[in-house]
PDB file of all heavy atoms in Angstrom:
ATOM      1  N   ASP A   1      -5.799  -0.961 -14.629  1.00  0.00           N
ATOM      2  CA  ASP A   1      -6.200  -0.960 -13.203  1.00  0.00           C
ATOM      3  C   ASP A   1      -6.166  -2.400 -12.677  1.00  0.00           C
ATOM      4  O   ASP A   1      -6.964  -3.245 -12.928  1.00  0.00           O
ATOM      5  CB  ASP A   1      -7.705  -0.482 -13.136  1.00  0.00           C
ATOM      6  CG  ASP A   1      -8.060   0.089 -11.849  1.00  0.00           C
ATOM      7  OD1 ASP A   1      -7.148   0.306 -10.989  1.00  0.00           O
ATOM      8  OD2 ASP A   1      -9.209   0.212 -11.532  1.00  0.00           O
ATOM      9  N   ARG A   2      -5.142  -2.525 -11.798  1.00  0.00           N
ATOM     10  CA  ARG A   2      -4.946  -3.852 -11.191  1.00  0.00           C
ATOM     11  C   ARG A   2      -4.835  -3.646  -9.642  1.00  0.00           C
ATOM     12  O   ARG A   2      -4.571  -2.568  -9.163  1.00  0.00           O
ATOM     13  CB  ARG A   2      -3.619  -4.491 -11.527  1.00  0.00           C
ATOM     14  CG  ARG A   2      -3.586  -5.043 -12.981  1.00  0.00           C
ATOM     15  CD  ARG A   2      -2.359  -5.798 -13.194  1.00  0.00           C
ATOM     16  NE  ARG A   2      -2.204  -6.140 -14.673  1.00  0.00           N
ATOM     17  CZ  ARG A   2      -1.189  -6.799 -15.123  1.00  0.00           C
ATOM     18  NH1 ARG A   2      -0.271  -7.237 -14.229  1.00  0.00           N
ATOM     19  NH2 ARG A   2      -1.109  -7.103 -16.367  1.00  0.00           N
ATOM     20  N   LYS A   3      -4.978  -4.740  -8.898  1.00  0.00           N
ATOM     21  CA  LYS A   3      -4.887  -4.623  -7.448  1.00  0.00           C
ATOM     22  C   LYS A   3      -3.386  -4.297  -7.131  1.00  0.00           C
ATOM     23  O   LYS A   3      -2.518  -4.860  -7.769  1.00  0.00           O
ATOM     24  CB  LYS A   3      -5.278  -5.958  -6.804  1.00  0.00           C
ATOM     25  CG  LYS A   3      -6.750  -6.292  -6.934  1.00  0.00           C
ATOM     26  CD  LYS A   3      -7.085  -7.571  -6.307  1.00  0.00           C
ATOM     27  CE  LYS A   3      -8.483  -7.988  -6.427  1.00  0.00           C
ATOM     28  NZ  LYS A   3      -8.820  -9.383  -5.966  1.00  0.00           N
ATOM     29  N   LEU A   4      -3.270  -3.544  -6.091  1.00  0.00           N
ATOM     30  CA  LEU A   4      -1.923  -3.086  -5.715  1.00  0.00           C
ATOM     31  C   LEU A   4      -1.930  -2.938  -4.244  1.00  0.00           C
ATOM     32  O   LEU A   4      -2.882  -2.357  -3.604  1.00  0.00           O
ATOM     33  CB  LEU A   4      -1.557  -1.795  -6.346  1.00  0.00           C
ATOM     34  CG  LEU A   4      -0.273  -1.146  -5.854  1.00  0.00           C
ATOM     35  CD1 LEU A   4       1.033  -1.830  -6.383  1.00  0.00           C
ATOM     36  CD2 LEU A   4      -0.163   0.291  -6.310  1.00  0.00           C
ATOM     37  N   THR A   5      -0.826  -3.450  -3.547  1.00  0.00           N
ATOM     38  CA  THR A   5      -0.687  -3.288  -2.119  1.00  0.00           C
ATOM     39  C   THR A   5       0.533  -2.413  -1.979  1.00  0.00           C
ATOM     40  O   THR A   5       1.610  -2.706  -2.467  1.00  0.00           O
ATOM     41  CB  THR A   5      -0.577  -4.588  -1.329  1.00  0.00           C
ATOM     42  OG1 THR A   5      -1.803  -5.219  -1.462  1.00  0.00           O
ATOM     43  CG2 THR A   5      -0.334  -4.361   0.152  1.00  0.00           C
ATOM     44  N   ILE A   6       0.426  -1.312  -1.186  1.00  0.00           N
ATOM     45  CA  ILE A   6       1.575  -0.506  -0.795  1.00  0.00           C
ATOM     46  C   ILE A   6       1.904  -0.793   0.663  1.00  0.00           C
ATOM     47  O   ILE A   6       1.088  -0.600   1.562  1.00  0.00           O
ATOM     48  CB  ILE A   6       1.317   0.977  -0.911  1.00  0.00           C
ATOM     49  CG1 ILE A   6       0.809   1.340  -2.417  1.00  0.00           C
ATOM     50  CG2 ILE A   6       2.419   1.813  -0.563  1.00  0.00           C
ATOM     51  CD1 ILE A   6       0.214   2.673  -2.564  1.00  0.00           C
ATOM     52  N   ALA A   7       3.094  -1.390   0.890  1.00  0.00           N
ATOM     53  CA  ALA A   7       3.561  -1.703   2.216  1.00  0.00           C
ATOM     54  C   ALA A   7       4.582  -0.661   2.647  1.00  0.00           C
ATOM     55  O   ALA A   7       5.557  -0.684   2.003  1.00  0.00           O
ATOM     56  CB  ALA A   7       4.077  -3.191   2.317  1.00  0.00           C
ATOM     57  N   ARG A   8       4.311   0.010   3.651  1.00  0.00           N
ATOM     58  CA  ARG A   8       5.250   1.110   4.043  1.00  0.00           C
ATOM     59  C   ARG A   8       5.761   0.834   5.450  1.00  0.00           C
ATOM     60  O   ARG A   8       4.969   0.458   6.395  1.00  0.00           O
ATOM     61  CB  ARG A   8       4.454   2.432   4.049  1.00  0.00           C
ATOM     62  CG  ARG A   8       5.254   3.650   4.179  1.00  0.00           C
ATOM     63  CD  ARG A   8       4.357   4.905   4.135  1.00  0.00           C
ATOM     64  NE  ARG A   8       3.611   5.079   5.307  1.00  0.00           N
ATOM     65  CZ  ARG A   8       4.135   5.579   6.407  1.00  0.00           C
ATOM     66  NH1 ARG A   8       5.385   5.998   6.507  1.00  0.00           N
ATOM     67  NH2 ARG A   8       3.406   5.766   7.456  1.00  0.00           N
ATOM     68  N   GLU A   9       7.041   1.031   5.663  1.00  0.00           N
ATOM     69  CA  GLU A   9       7.680   0.935   6.938  1.00  0.00           C
ATOM     70  C   GLU A   9       7.414  -0.335   7.635  1.00  0.00           C
ATOM     71  O   GLU A   9       7.053  -0.390   8.793  1.00  0.00           O
ATOM     72  CB  GLU A   9       7.207   2.081   7.852  1.00  0.00           C
ATOM     73  CG  GLU A   9       7.754   3.473   7.377  1.00  0.00           C
ATOM     74  CD  GLU A   9       9.158   3.689   7.580  1.00  0.00           C
ATOM     75  OE1 GLU A   9       9.723   3.760   8.715  1.00  0.00           O
ATOM     76  OE2 GLU A   9       9.930   3.725   6.537  1.00  0.00           O
ATOM     77  N   LEU A  10       7.585  -1.417   6.928  1.00  0.00           N
ATOM     78  CA  LEU A  10       7.344  -2.809   7.492  1.00  0.00           C
ATOM     79  C   LEU A  10       8.184  -3.010   8.703  1.00  0.00           C
ATOM     80  O   LEU A  10       9.311  -2.659   8.779  1.00  0.00           O
ATOM     81  CB  LEU A  10       7.545  -3.842   6.416  1.00  0.00           C
ATOM     82  CG  LEU A  10       6.601  -3.943   5.330  1.00  0.00           C
ATOM     83  CD1 LEU A  10       6.993  -4.860   4.328  1.00  0.00           C
ATOM     84  CD2 LEU A  10       5.179  -4.312   5.877  1.00  0.00           C
ATOM     85  N   THR A  11       7.577  -3.648   9.673  1.00  0.00           N
ATOM     86  CA  THR A  11       8.209  -4.075  11.022  1.00  0.00           C
ATOM     87  C   THR A  11       8.642  -2.801  11.816  1.00  0.00           C
ATOM     88  O   THR A  11       9.410  -2.985  12.724  1.00  0.00           O
ATOM     89  CB  THR A  11       9.331  -4.994  10.819  1.00  0.00           C
ATOM     90  OG1 THR A  11      10.461  -4.345  10.335  1.00  0.00           O
ATOM     91  CG2 THR A  11       8.995  -6.228   9.978  1.00  0.00           C
ATOM     92  N   LYS A  12       8.160  -1.660  11.524  1.00  0.00           N
ATOM     93  CA  LYS A  12       8.487  -0.441  12.259  1.00  0.00           C
ATOM     94  C   LYS A  12       7.226   0.141  12.918  1.00  0.00           C
ATOM     95  O   LYS A  12       6.077  -0.356  12.647  1.00  0.00           O
ATOM     96  CB  LYS A  12       9.148   0.602  11.357  1.00  0.00           C
ATOM     97  CG  LYS A  12      10.464   0.028  10.767  1.00  0.00           C
ATOM     98  CD  LYS A  12      11.097   0.995   9.837  1.00  0.00           C
ATOM     99  CE  LYS A  12      12.397   0.471   9.317  1.00  0.00           C
ATOM    100  NZ  LYS A  12      12.750   0.985   8.125  1.00  0.00           N
ATOM    101  N   VAL A  13       7.368   1.096  13.784  1.00  0.00           N
ATOM    102  CA  VAL A  13       6.294   1.798  14.505  1.00  0.00           C
ATOM    103  C   VAL A  13       5.239   2.259  13.678  1.00  0.00           C
ATOM    104  O   VAL A  13       3.951   2.172  13.885  1.00  0.00           O
ATOM    105  CB  VAL A  13       6.920   2.863  15.516  1.00  0.00           C
ATOM    106  CG1 VAL A  13       5.745   3.684  16.134  1.00  0.00           C
ATOM    107  CG2 VAL A  13       7.752   2.308  16.470  1.00  0.00           C
ATOM    108  N   HIS A  14       5.656   2.924  12.509  1.00  0.00           N
ATOM    109  CA  HIS A  14       4.671   3.540  11.654  1.00  0.00           C
ATOM    110  C   HIS A  14       4.213   2.611  10.505  1.00  0.00           C
ATOM    111  O   HIS A  14       3.866   3.116   9.379  1.00  0.00           O
ATOM    112  CB  HIS A  14       5.147   4.906  11.118  1.00  0.00           C
ATOM    113  CG  HIS A  14       5.347   5.810  12.260  1.00  0.00           C
ATOM    114  ND1 HIS A  14       4.285   6.343  12.986  1.00  0.00           N
ATOM    115  CD2 HIS A  14       6.508   6.228  12.775  1.00  0.00           C
ATOM    116  CE1 HIS A  14       4.849   7.183  13.886  1.00  0.00           C
ATOM    117  NE2 HIS A  14       6.119   7.138  13.824  1.00  0.00           N
ATOM    118  N   GLU A  15       4.237   1.284  10.611  1.00  0.00           N
ATOM    119  CA  GLU A  15       3.943   0.329   9.546  1.00  0.00           C
ATOM    120  C   GLU A  15       2.508   0.646   9.095  1.00  0.00           C
ATOM    121  O   GLU A  15       1.624   0.943   9.791  1.00  0.00           O
ATOM    122  CB  GLU A  15       3.995  -1.012  10.084  1.00  0.00           C
ATOM    123  CG  GLU A  15       3.649  -2.115   9.022  1.00  0.00           C
ATOM    124  CD  GLU A  15       3.669  -3.511   9.531  1.00  0.00           C
ATOM    125  OE1 GLU A  15       4.773  -3.872  10.035  1.00  0.00           O
ATOM    126  OE2 GLU A  15       2.668  -4.164   9.575  1.00  0.00           O
ATOM    127  N   GLN A  16       2.418   0.696   7.706  1.00  0.00           N
ATOM    128  CA  GLN A  16       1.147   0.908   6.989  1.00  0.00           C
ATOM    129  C   GLN A  16       0.967  -0.057   5.808  1.00  0.00           C
ATOM    130  O   GLN A  16       1.876  -0.144   5.042  1.00  0.00           O
ATOM    131  CB  GLN A  16       1.015   2.282   6.578  1.00  0.00           C
ATOM    132  CG  GLN A  16      -0.261   2.763   6.043  1.00  0.00           C
ATOM    133  CD  GLN A  16      -0.208   4.178   5.610  1.00  0.00           C
ATOM    134  OE1 GLN A  16       0.816   4.792   5.377  1.00  0.00           O
ATOM    135  NE2 GLN A  16      -1.437   4.826   5.536  1.00  0.00           N
ATOM    136  N   ILE A  17      -0.290  -0.723   5.779  1.00  0.00           N
ATOM    137  CA  ILE A  17      -0.500  -1.551   4.622  1.00  0.00           C
ATOM    138  C   ILE A  17      -1.708  -0.919   3.932  1.00  0.00           C
ATOM    139  O   ILE A  17      -2.673  -0.783   4.531  1.00  0.00           O
ATOM    140  CB  ILE A  17      -0.833  -3.054   5.077  1.00  0.00           C
ATOM    141  CG1 ILE A  17       0.292  -3.636   5.988  1.00  0.00           C
ATOM    142  CG2 ILE A  17      -1.128  -3.967   3.889  1.00  0.00           C
ATOM    143  CD1 ILE A  17       1.580  -3.622   5.387  1.00  0.00           C
ATOM    144  N   ILE A  18      -1.535  -0.617   2.680  1.00  0.00           N
ATOM    145  CA  ILE A  18      -2.570   0.106   1.911  1.00  0.00           C
ATOM    146  C   ILE A  18      -3.034  -0.979   0.763  1.00  0.00           C
ATOM    147  O   ILE A  18      -2.128  -1.096  -0.168  1.00  0.00           O
ATOM    148  CB  ILE A  18      -2.086   1.360   1.335  1.00  0.00           C
ATOM    149  CG1 ILE A  18      -1.679   2.301   2.462  1.00  0.00           C
ATOM    150  CG2 ILE A  18      -3.271   2.020   0.486  1.00  0.00           C
ATOM    151  CD1 ILE A  18      -0.917   3.503   1.999  1.00  0.00           C
ATOM    152  N   ARG A  19      -4.186  -1.491   0.779  1.00  0.00           N
ATOM    153  CA  ARG A  19      -4.671  -2.391  -0.273  1.00  0.00           C
ATOM    154  C   ARG A  19      -5.488  -1.439  -1.177  1.00  0.00           C
ATOM    155  O   ARG A  19      -6.532  -0.917  -0.721  1.00  0.00           O
ATOM    156  CB  ARG A  19      -5.461  -3.491   0.259  1.00  0.00           C
ATOM    157  CG  ARG A  19      -4.491  -4.474   0.977  1.00  0.00           C
ATOM    158  CD  ARG A  19      -5.249  -5.754   1.530  1.00  0.00           C
ATOM    159  NE  ARG A  19      -4.434  -6.507   2.363  1.00  0.00           N
ATOM    160  CZ  ARG A  19      -4.261  -6.384   3.726  1.00  0.00           C
ATOM    161  NH1 ARG A  19      -5.031  -5.432   4.320  1.00  0.00           N
ATOM    162  NH2 ARG A  19      -3.535  -7.168   4.409  1.00  0.00           N
ATOM    163  N   THR A  20      -5.142  -1.345  -2.479  1.00  0.00           N
ATOM    164  CA  THR A  20      -5.763  -0.394  -3.338  1.00  0.00           C
ATOM    165  C   THR A  20      -5.678  -0.937  -4.799  1.00  0.00           C
ATOM    166  O   THR A  20      -5.493  -2.130  -4.967  1.00  0.00           O
ATOM    167  CB  THR A  20      -5.178   0.991  -3.199  1.00  0.00           C
ATOM    168  OG1 THR A  20      -5.835   1.970  -3.965  1.00  0.00           O
ATOM    169  CG2 THR A  20      -3.647   1.011  -3.544  1.00  0.00           C
ATOM    170  N   THR A  21      -5.783  -0.014  -5.690  1.00  0.00           N
ATOM    171  CA  THR A  21      -5.613  -0.394  -7.158  1.00  0.00           C
ATOM    172  C   THR A  21      -4.697   0.576  -7.683  1.00  0.00           C
ATOM    173  O   THR A  21      -4.453   1.656  -7.118  1.00  0.00           O
ATOM    174  CB  THR A  21      -6.963  -0.340  -7.964  1.00  0.00           C
ATOM    175  OG1 THR A  21      -7.355   0.983  -7.992  1.00  0.00           O
ATOM    176  CG2 THR A  21      -8.064  -1.175  -7.337  1.00  0.00           C
ATOM    177  N   THR A  22      -4.089   0.201  -8.850  1.00  0.00           N
ATOM    178  CA  THR A  22      -3.139   1.095  -9.497  1.00  0.00           C
ATOM    179  C   THR A  22      -3.714   2.470  -9.834  1.00  0.00           C
ATOM    180  O   THR A  22      -3.138   3.492  -9.643  1.00  0.00           O
ATOM    181  CB  THR A  22      -2.597   0.519 -10.790  1.00  0.00           C
ATOM    182  OG1 THR A  22      -3.630   0.116 -11.626  1.00  0.00           O
ATOM    183  CG2 THR A  22      -1.705  -0.599 -10.475  1.00  0.00           C
ATOM    184  N   ARG A  23      -5.044   2.486 -10.297  1.00  0.00           N
ATOM    185  CA  ARG A  23      -5.647   3.727 -10.526  1.00  0.00           C
ATOM    186  C   ARG A  23      -5.854   4.625  -9.323  1.00  0.00           C
ATOM    187  O   ARG A  23      -5.495   5.823  -9.300  1.00  0.00           O
ATOM    188  CB  ARG A  23      -7.071   3.495 -11.257  1.00  0.00           C
ATOM    189  CG  ARG A  23      -7.811   4.818 -11.626  1.00  0.00           C
ATOM    190  CD  ARG A  23      -9.129   4.507 -12.234  1.00  0.00           C
ATOM    191  NE  ARG A  23     -10.082   3.689 -11.346  1.00  0.00           N
ATOM    192  CZ  ARG A  23     -10.688   4.147 -10.259  1.00  0.00           C
ATOM    193  NH1 ARG A  23     -10.558   5.433  -9.949  1.00  0.00           N
ATOM    194  NH2 ARG A  23     -11.500   3.411  -9.501  1.00  0.00           N
ATOM    195  N   GLU A  24      -6.485   4.069  -8.296  1.00  0.00           N
ATOM    196  CA  GLU A  24      -6.641   4.777  -7.092  1.00  0.00           C
ATOM    197  C   GLU A  24      -5.362   5.272  -6.491  1.00  0.00           C
ATOM    198  O   GLU A  24      -5.297   6.385  -6.009  1.00  0.00           O
ATOM    199  CB  GLU A  24      -7.379   3.945  -6.072  1.00  0.00           C
ATOM    200  CG  GLU A  24      -8.839   3.607  -6.405  1.00  0.00           C
ATOM    201  CD  GLU A  24      -9.529   2.636  -5.437  1.00  0.00           C
ATOM    202  OE1 GLU A  24      -8.826   2.113  -4.578  1.00  0.00           O
ATOM    203  OE2 GLU A  24     -10.668   2.307  -5.733  1.00  0.00           O
ATOM    204  N   ALA A  25      -4.305   4.452  -6.474  1.00  0.00           N
ATOM    205  CA  ALA A  25      -3.095   4.799  -5.938  1.00  0.00           C
ATOM    206  C   ALA A  25      -2.400   6.021  -6.705  1.00  0.00           C
ATOM    207  O   ALA A  25      -1.885   6.957  -6.110  1.00  0.00           O
ATOM    208  CB  ALA A  25      -2.070   3.631  -5.854  1.00  0.00           C
ATOM    209  N   ALA A  26      -2.511   5.860  -8.033  1.00  0.00           N
ATOM    210  CA  ALA A  26      -1.880   6.950  -8.905  1.00  0.00           C
ATOM    211  C   ALA A  26      -2.596   8.308  -8.598  1.00  0.00           C
ATOM    212  O   ALA A  26      -1.908   9.341  -8.568  1.00  0.00           O
ATOM    213  CB  ALA A  26      -1.996   6.615 -10.355  1.00  0.00           C
TER     214      ALA A  26
END
């Protein structure tokens, strides 16, 4: 269980930054 950031659709209209952990994300 480590810190993880999921960056989705960077520089686009639906950009999303999700700061989570590996456990929560899985």
